[in-house]
Amino acid sequence: MSDPIAVPQTGRLSVAVWLRVADETQQPPLRLGIQGQWSGHLYTRSGAIGQASGGQRLQADWAEYVFQVQDCRPKA
C-alpha cells in the first residue's frame, strides 16, 4: 500500500512493479489495484498480472509489469 496519490487531470494512472517468480512453471494468481475517493465516493480498479490471472506470464528474472487505469474517477 502506498501513500495517497493525487488523481491526474487526465483520469489515467499507471502503476509499475518489478516482479519475478522462483519457478516459471508455478504461476501465482496476482492482481494489482487502486482504491480511491472522488467526490465522496469510494471506488476501486484492479487488473490481472501474471498468467494464472489471465495476464502476461511472470518470469524468473526481474521484469517490470505495468497496470494502466484509464478511468481513475468514477462516472457521475
PDB file of N, CA and C in Angstrom:
ATOM      1  N   MET A   1       0.851  -1.162   0.000  1.00  0.00           N
ATOM      2  CA  MET A   1       0.000   0.000   0.000  1.00  0.00           C
ATOM      3  C   MET A   1       0.901   1.231   0.000  1.00  0.00           C
ATOM      4  N   SER A   2       0.509   2.215  -0.773  1.00  0.00           N
ATOM      5  CA  SER A   2       1.327   3.422  -0.874  1.00  0.00           C
ATOM      6  C   SER A   2       0.653   4.584  -0.151  1.00  0.00           C
ATOM      7  N   ASP A   3       1.371   5.679  -0.091  1.00  0.00           N
ATOM      8  CA  ASP A   3       0.776   6.923   0.363  1.00  0.00           C
ATOM      9  C   ASP A   3      -0.240   7.364  -0.683  1.00  0.00           C
ATOM     10  N   PRO A   4      -1.178   8.233  -0.321  1.00  0.00           N
ATOM     11  CA  PRO A   4      -2.163   8.715  -1.306  1.00  0.00           C
ATOM     12  C   PRO A   4      -1.486   9.364  -2.511  1.00  0.00           C
ATOM     13  N   ILE A   5      -2.109   9.186  -3.676  1.00  0.00           N
ATOM     14  CA  ILE A   5      -1.629   9.750  -4.935  1.00  0.00           C
ATOM     15  C   ILE A   5      -2.718  10.673  -5.472  1.00  0.00           C
ATOM     16  N   ALA A   6      -2.340  11.859  -5.881  1.00  0.00           N
ATOM     17  CA  ALA A   6      -3.310  12.787  -6.451  1.00  0.00           C
ATOM     18  C   ALA A   6      -3.837  12.239  -7.777  1.00  0.00           C
ATOM     19  N   VAL A   7      -5.128  12.392  -8.012  1.00  0.00           N
ATOM     20  CA  VAL A   7      -5.737  11.925  -9.254  1.00  0.00           C
ATOM     21  C   VAL A   7      -5.264  12.827 -10.398  1.00  0.00           C
ATOM     22  N   PRO A   8      -4.664  12.250 -11.434  1.00  0.00           N
ATOM     23  CA  PRO A   8      -4.224  13.066 -12.569  1.00  0.00           C
ATOM     24  C   PRO A   8      -5.419  13.704 -13.282  1.00  0.00           C
ATOM     25  N   GLN A   9      -5.219  14.872 -13.843  1.00  0.00           N
ATOM     26  CA  GLN A   9      -6.290  15.569 -14.572  1.00  0.00           C
ATOM     27  C   GLN A   9      -6.813  14.745 -15.743  1.00  0.00           C
ATOM     28  N   THR A  10      -5.955  13.905 -16.308  1.00  0.00           N
ATOM     29  CA  THR A  10      -6.356  13.075 -17.448  1.00  0.00           C
ATOM     30  C   THR A  10      -7.291  11.939 -17.039  1.00  0.00           C
ATOM     31  N   GLY A  11      -7.310  11.606 -15.734  1.00  0.00           N
ATOM     32  CA  GLY A  11      -8.096  10.466 -15.278  1.00  0.00           C
ATOM     33  C   GLY A  11      -7.396   9.140 -15.537  1.00  0.00           C
ATOM     34  N   ARG A  12      -6.135   9.191 -15.963  1.00  0.00           N
ATOM     35  CA  ARG A  12      -5.356   7.980 -16.273  1.00  0.00           C
ATOM     36  C   ARG A  12      -4.188   7.863 -15.305  1.00  0.00           C
ATOM     37  N   LEU A  13      -3.891   6.624 -14.943  1.00  0.00           N
ATOM     38  CA  LEU A  13      -2.815   6.365 -13.995  1.00  0.00           C
ATOM     39  C   LEU A  13      -2.160   5.038 -14.353  1.00  0.00           C
ATOM     40  N   SER A  14      -0.852   4.953 -14.228  1.00  0.00           N
ATOM     41  CA  SER A  14      -0.130   3.700 -14.425  1.00  0.00           C
ATOM     42  C   SER A  14       0.596   3.355 -13.146  1.00  0.00           C
ATOM     43  N   VAL A  15       0.536   2.086 -12.779  1.00  0.00           N
ATOM     44  CA  VAL A  15       1.261   1.579 -11.626  1.00  0.00           C
ATOM     45  C   VAL A  15       2.234   0.528 -12.149  1.00  0.00           C
ATOM     46  N   ALA A  16       3.509   0.719 -11.868  1.00  0.00           N
ATOM     47  CA  ALA A  16       4.520  -0.219 -12.339  1.00  0.00           C
ATOM     48  C   ALA A  16       5.128  -0.950 -11.150  1.00  0.00           C
ATOM     49  N   VAL A  17       5.353  -2.244 -11.321  1.00  0.00           N
ATOM     50  CA  VAL A  17       6.003  -3.055 -10.298  1.00  0.00           C
ATOM     51  C   VAL A  17       7.062  -3.922 -10.962  1.00  0.00           C
ATOM     52  N   TRP A  18       8.077  -4.250 -10.209  1.00  0.00           N
ATOM     53  CA  TRP A  18       9.099  -5.195 -10.657  1.00  0.00           C
ATOM     54  C   TRP A  18       8.849  -6.492  -9.910  1.00  0.00           C
ATOM     55  N   LEU A  19       8.688  -7.579 -10.661  1.00  0.00           N
ATOM     56  CA  LEU A  19       8.370  -8.878 -10.074  1.00  0.00           C
ATOM     57  C   LEU A  19       9.237  -9.965 -10.688  1.00  0.00           C
ATOM     58  N   ARG A  20       9.345 -11.070  -9.967  1.00  0.00           N
ATOM     59  CA  ARG A  20       9.918 -12.294 -10.515  1.00  0.00           C
ATOM     60  C   ARG A  20       9.315 -13.456  -9.749  1.00  0.00           C
ATOM     61  N   VAL A  21       9.366 -14.634 -10.323  1.00  0.00           N
ATOM     62  CA  VAL A  21       8.909 -15.843  -9.655  1.00  0.00           C
ATOM     63  C   VAL A  21      10.092 -16.801  -9.551  1.00  0.00           C
ATOM     64  N   ALA A  22      10.093 -17.624  -8.515  1.00  0.00           N
ATOM     65  CA  ALA A  22      11.175 -18.577  -8.323  1.00  0.00           C
ATOM     66  C   ALA A  22      11.132 -19.675  -9.376  1.00  0.00           C
ATOM     67  N   ASP A  23       9.920 -20.042  -9.799  1.00  0.00           N
ATOM     68  CA  ASP A  23       9.746 -21.140 -10.753  1.00  0.00           C
ATOM     69  C   ASP A  23       8.682 -20.721 -11.765  1.00  0.00           C
ATOM     70  N   GLU A  24       9.093 -20.518 -13.003  1.00  0.00           N
ATOM     71  CA  GLU A  24       8.162 -20.052 -14.041  1.00  0.00           C
ATOM     72  C   GLU A  24       7.020 -21.023 -14.312  1.00  0.00           C
ATOM     73  N   THR A  25       7.177 -22.288 -13.937  1.00  0.00           N
ATOM     74  CA  THR A  25       6.085 -23.248 -14.143  1.00  0.00           C
ATOM     75  C   THR A  25       5.012 -23.113 -13.070  1.00  0.00           C
ATOM     76  N   GLN A  26       5.319 -22.390 -12.005  1.00  0.00           N
ATOM     77  CA  GLN A  26       4.356 -22.142 -10.927  1.00  0.00           C
ATOM     78  C   GLN A  26       3.935 -20.674 -10.977  1.00  0.00           C
ATOM     79  N   GLN A  27       2.932 -20.379 -11.788  1.00  0.00           N
ATOM     80  CA  GLN A  27       2.457 -19.008 -11.973  1.00  0.00           C
ATOM     81  C   GLN A  27       1.387 -18.679 -10.926  1.00  0.00           C
ATOM     82  N   PRO A  28       1.691 -17.776  -9.992  1.00  0.00           N
ATOM     83  CA  PRO A  28       0.705 -17.451  -8.952  1.00  0.00           C
ATOM     84  C   PRO A  28      -0.370 -16.510  -9.485  1.00  0.00           C
ATOM     85  N   PRO A  29      -1.591 -16.609  -8.961  1.00  0.00           N
ATOM     86  CA  PRO A  29      -2.601 -15.611  -9.312  1.00  0.00           C
ATOM     87  C   PRO A  29      -2.223 -14.283  -8.631  1.00  0.00           C
ATOM     88  N   LEU A  30      -2.300 -13.205  -9.375  1.00  0.00           N
ATOM     89  CA  LEU A  30      -1.883 -11.909  -8.836  1.00  0.00           C
ATOM     90  C   LEU A  30      -2.686 -10.801  -9.494  1.00  0.00           C
ATOM     91  N   ARG A  31      -3.157  -9.858  -8.688  1.00  0.00           N
ATOM     92  CA  ARG A  31      -3.880  -8.690  -9.186  1.00  0.00           C
ATOM     93  C   ARG A  31      -3.279  -7.444  -8.550  1.00  0.00           C
ATOM     94  N   LEU A  32      -3.182  -6.385  -9.332  1.00  0.00           N
ATOM     95  CA  LEU A  32      -2.798  -5.075  -8.822  1.00  0.00           C
ATOM     96  C   LEU A  32      -4.040  -4.209  -8.831  1.00  0.00           C
ATOM     97  N   GLY A  33      -4.125  -3.305  -7.884  1.00  0.00           N
ATOM     98  CA  GLY A  33      -5.305  -2.464  -7.863  1.00  0.00           C
ATOM     99  C   GLY A  33      -5.062  -1.130  -7.193  1.00  0.00           C
ATOM    100  N   ILE A  34      -6.001  -0.260  -7.410  1.00  0.00           N
ATOM    101  CA  ILE A  34      -6.007   1.034  -6.736  1.00  0.00           C
ATOM    102  C   ILE A  34      -7.371   1.213  -6.082  1.00  0.00           C
ATOM    103  N   GLN A  35      -7.386   1.985  -5.028  1.00  0.00           N
ATOM    104  CA  GLN A  35      -8.630   2.328  -4.353  1.00  0.00           C
ATOM    105  C   GLN A  35      -8.564   3.815  -4.074  1.00  0.00           C
ATOM    106  N   GLY A  36      -9.643   4.498  -4.271  1.00  0.00           N
ATOM    107  CA  GLY A  36      -9.624   5.936  -4.063  1.00  0.00           C
ATOM    108  C   GLY A  36     -10.991   6.498  -3.741  1.00  0.00           C
ATOM    109  N   GLN A  37     -11.004   7.798  -3.585  1.00  0.00           N
ATOM    110  CA  GLN A  37     -12.242   8.523  -3.351  1.00  0.00           C
ATOM    111  C   GLN A  37     -12.315   9.667  -4.334  1.00  0.00           C
ATOM    112  N   TRP A  38     -13.497   9.894  -4.877  1.00  0.00           N
ATOM    113  CA  TRP A  38     -13.738  11.015  -5.767  1.00  0.00           C
ATOM    114  C   TRP A  38     -15.112  11.570  -5.443  1.00  0.00           C
ATOM    115  N   SER A  39     -15.158  12.823  -5.071  1.00  0.00           N
ATOM    116  CA  SER A  39     -16.414  13.484  -4.699  1.00  0.00           C
ATOM    117  C   SER A  39     -17.164  12.689  -3.638  1.00  0.00           C
ATOM    118  N   GLY A  40     -16.414  12.139  -2.678  1.00  0.00           N
ATOM    119  CA  GLY A  40     -17.023  11.422  -1.572  1.00  0.00           C
ATOM    120  C   GLY A  40     -17.407   9.984  -1.866  1.00  0.00           C
ATOM    121  N   HIS A  41     -17.145   9.485  -3.088  1.00  0.00           N
ATOM    122  CA  HIS A  41     -17.482   8.114  -3.464  1.00  0.00           C
ATOM    123  C   HIS A  41     -16.223   7.257  -3.497  1.00  0.00           C
ATOM    124  N   LEU A  42     -16.289   6.095  -2.854  1.00  0.00           N
ATOM    125  CA  LEU A  42     -15.188   5.152  -2.865  1.00  0.00           C
ATOM    126  C   LEU A  42     -15.237   4.333  -4.150  1.00  0.00           C
ATOM    127  N   TYR A  43     -14.090   4.103  -4.774  1.00  0.00           N
ATOM    128  CA  TYR A  43     -14.037   3.279  -5.974  1.00  0.00           C
ATOM    129  C   TYR A  43     -12.761   2.454  -5.976  1.00  0.00           C
ATOM    130  N   THR A  44     -12.775   1.356  -6.700  1.00  0.00           N
ATOM    131  CA  THR A  44     -11.604   0.519  -6.868  1.00  0.00           C
ATOM    132  C   THR A  44     -11.466   0.145  -8.336  1.00  0.00           C
ATOM    133  N   ARG A  45     -10.244  -0.054  -8.754  1.00  0.00           N
ATOM    134  CA  ARG A  45      -9.933  -0.541 -10.089  1.00  0.00           C
ATOM    135  C   ARG A  45      -8.838  -1.582  -9.907  1.00  0.00           C
ATOM    136  N   SER A  46      -8.928  -2.699 -10.614  1.00  0.00           N
ATOM    137  CA  SER A  46      -7.900  -3.721 -10.498  1.00  0.00           C
ATOM    138  C   SER A  46      -7.699  -4.424 -11.836  1.00  0.00           C
ATOM    139  N   GLY A  47      -6.579  -5.100 -11.944  1.00  0.00           N
ATOM    140  CA  GLY A  47      -6.270  -5.823 -13.174  1.00  0.00           C
ATOM    141  C   GLY A  47      -5.343  -6.988 -12.899  1.00  0.00           C
ATOM    142  N   ALA A  48      -5.427  -7.980 -13.748  1.00  0.00           N
ATOM    143  CA  ALA A  48      -4.626  -9.197 -13.608  1.00  0.00           C
ATOM    144  C   ALA A  48      -3.182  -8.949 -14.005  1.00  0.00           C
ATOM    145  N   ILE A  49      -2.287  -9.493 -13.222  1.00  0.00           N
ATOM    146  CA  ILE A  49      -0.867  -9.527 -13.538  1.00  0.00           C
ATOM    147  C   ILE A  49      -0.471 -10.992 -13.402  1.00  0.00           C
ATOM    148  N   GLY A  50       0.197 -11.516 -14.379  1.00  0.00           N
ATOM    149  CA  GLY A  50       0.616 -12.908 -14.312  1.00  0.00           C
ATOM    150  C   GLY A  50      -0.335 -13.837 -15.053  1.00  0.00           C
ATOM    151  N   GLN A  51       0.219 -14.875 -15.618  1.00  0.00           N
ATOM    152  CA  GLN A  51      -0.520 -15.806 -16.468  1.00  0.00           C
ATOM    153  C   GLN A  51      -1.671 -16.489 -15.733  1.00  0.00           C
ATOM    154  N   ALA A  52      -1.493 -16.836 -14.465  1.00  0.00           N
ATOM    155  CA  ALA A  52      -2.542 -17.531 -13.720  1.00  0.00           C
ATOM    156  C   ALA A  52      -3.774 -16.650 -13.526  1.00  0.00           C
ATOM    157  N   SER A  53      -3.603 -15.339 -13.664  1.00  0.00           N
ATOM    158  CA  SER A  53      -4.723 -14.405 -13.521  1.00  0.00           C
ATOM    159  C   SER A  53      -5.228 -13.915 -14.868  1.00  0.00           C
ATOM    160  N   GLY A  54      -4.708 -14.477 -15.952  1.00  0.00           N
ATOM    161  CA  GLY A  54      -5.128 -14.065 -17.283  1.00  0.00           C
ATOM    162  C   GLY A  54      -4.279 -12.973 -17.893  1.00  0.00           C
ATOM    163  N   GLY A  55      -3.183 -12.611 -17.237  1.00  0.00           N
ATOM    164  CA  GLY A  55      -2.301 -11.569 -17.742  1.00  0.00           C
ATOM    165  C   GLY A  55      -1.036 -12.151 -18.360  1.00  0.00           C
ATOM    166  N   GLN A  56      -0.029 -11.310 -18.449  1.00  0.00           N
ATOM    167  CA  GLN A  56       1.260 -11.696 -19.036  1.00  0.00           C
ATOM    168  C   GLN A  56       1.989 -12.682 -18.126  1.00  0.00           C
ATOM    169  N   ARG A  57       2.677 -13.642 -18.712  1.00  0.00           N
ATOM    170  CA  ARG A  57       3.426 -14.664 -17.965  1.00  0.00           C
ATOM    171  C   ARG A  57       4.524 -14.011 -17.134  1.00  0.00           C
ATOM    172  N   LEU A  58       4.622 -14.379 -15.850  1.00  0.00           N
ATOM    173  CA  LEU A  58       5.679 -13.896 -14.975  1.00  0.00           C
ATOM    174  C   LEU A  58       6.955 -14.681 -15.252  1.00  0.00           C
ATOM    175  N   GLN A  59       8.085 -14.007 -15.107  1.00  0.00           N
ATOM    176  CA  GLN A  59       9.375 -14.597 -15.450  1.00  0.00           C
ATOM    177  C   GLN A  59      10.230 -14.823 -14.207  1.00  0.00           C
ATOM    178  N   ALA A  60      11.236 -15.690 -14.332  1.00  0.00           N
ATOM    179  CA  ALA A  60      12.168 -15.957 -13.235  1.00  0.00           C
ATOM    180  C   ALA A  60      13.132 -14.781 -13.026  1.00  0.00           C
ATOM    181  N   ASP A  61      13.423 -14.036 -14.092  1.00  0.00           N
ATOM    182  CA  ASP A  61      14.264 -12.842 -13.974  1.00  0.00           C
ATOM    183  C   ASP A  61      13.382 -11.641 -13.651  1.00  0.00           C
ATOM    184  N   TRP A  62      13.953 -10.672 -12.959  1.00  0.00           N
ATOM    185  CA  TRP A  62      13.204  -9.460 -12.636  1.00  0.00           C
ATOM    186  C   TRP A  62      12.693  -8.808 -13.916  1.00  0.00           C
ATOM    187  N   ALA A  63      11.426  -8.421 -13.912  1.00  0.00           N
ATOM    188  CA  ALA A  63      10.826  -7.757 -15.068  1.00  0.00           C
ATOM    189  C   ALA A  63       9.791  -6.757 -14.571  1.00  0.00           C
ATOM    190  N   GLU A  64       9.616  -5.703 -15.337  1.00  0.00           N
ATOM    191  CA  GLU A  64       8.643  -4.670 -14.990  1.00  0.00           C
ATOM    192  C   GLU A  64       7.287  -5.021 -15.597  1.00  0.00           C
ATOM    193  N   TYR A  65       6.248  -4.852 -14.801  1.00  0.00           N
ATOM    194  CA  TYR A  65       4.870  -5.072 -15.244  1.00  0.00           C
ATOM    195  C   TYR A  65       4.098  -3.796 -14.933  1.00  0.00           C
ATOM    196  N   VAL A  66       3.327  -3.340 -15.914  1.00  0.00           N
ATOM    197  CA  VAL A  66       2.612  -2.072 -15.776  1.00  0.00           C
ATOM    198  C   VAL A  66       1.115  -2.322 -15.804  1.00  0.00           C
ATOM    199  N   PHE A  67       0.429  -1.767 -14.811  1.00  0.00           N
ATOM    200  CA  PHE A  67      -1.021  -1.825 -14.702  1.00  0.00           C
ATOM    201  C   PHE A  67      -1.538  -0.428 -15.041  1.00  0.00           C
ATOM    202  N   GLN A  68      -2.299  -0.304 -16.128  1.00  0.00           N
ATOM    203  CA  GLN A  68      -2.821   1.001 -16.560  1.00  0.00           C
ATOM    204  C   GLN A  68      -4.296   1.126 -16.204  1.00  0.00           C
ATOM    205  N   VAL A  69      -4.630   2.256 -15.615  1.00  0.00           N
ATOM    206  CA  VAL A  69      -6.021   2.560 -15.266  1.00  0.00           C
ATOM    207  C   VAL A  69      -6.460   3.733 -16.117  1.00  0.00           C
ATOM    208  N   GLN A  70      -7.504   3.541 -16.899  1.00  0.00           N
ATOM    209  CA  GLN A  70      -7.974   4.576 -17.811  1.00  0.00           C
ATOM    210  C   GLN A  70      -8.971   5.542 -17.195  1.00  0.00           C
ATOM    211  N   ASP A  71      -9.652   5.097 -16.135  1.00  0.00           N
ATOM    212  CA  ASP A  71     -10.702   5.935 -15.538  1.00  0.00           C
ATOM    213  C   ASP A  71     -10.539   5.997 -14.022  1.00  0.00           C
ATOM    214  N   CYS A  72      -9.620   6.840 -13.565  1.00  0.00           N
ATOM    215  CA  CYS A  72      -9.333   6.973 -12.134  1.00  0.00           C
ATOM    216  C   CYS A  72     -10.472   7.638 -11.373  1.00  0.00           C
ATOM    217  N   ARG A  73     -11.405   8.210 -12.082  1.00  0.00           N
ATOM    218  CA  ARG A  73     -12.529   8.882 -11.423  1.00  0.00           C
ATOM    219  C   ARG A  73     -13.814   8.174 -11.802  1.00  0.00           C
ATOM    220  N   PRO A  74     -14.662   7.860 -10.829  1.00  0.00           N
ATOM    221  CA  PRO A  74     -15.931   7.220 -11.155  1.00  0.00           C
ATOM    222  C   PRO A  74     -16.811   8.162 -11.969  1.00  0.00           C
ATOM    223  N   LYS A  75     -17.637   7.580 -12.788  1.00  0.00           N
ATOM    224  CA  LYS A  75     -18.550   8.389 -13.593  1.00  0.00           C
ATOM    225  C   LYS A  75     -19.696   8.903 -12.723  1.00  0.00           C
ATOM    226  N   ALA A  76     -20.072  10.132 -12.936  1.00  0.00           N
ATOM    227  CA  ALA A  76     -21.139  10.748 -12.124  1.00  0.00           C
ATOM    228  C   ALA A  76     -22.498  10.176 -12.480  1.00  0.00           C
TER     229      ALA A  76
END
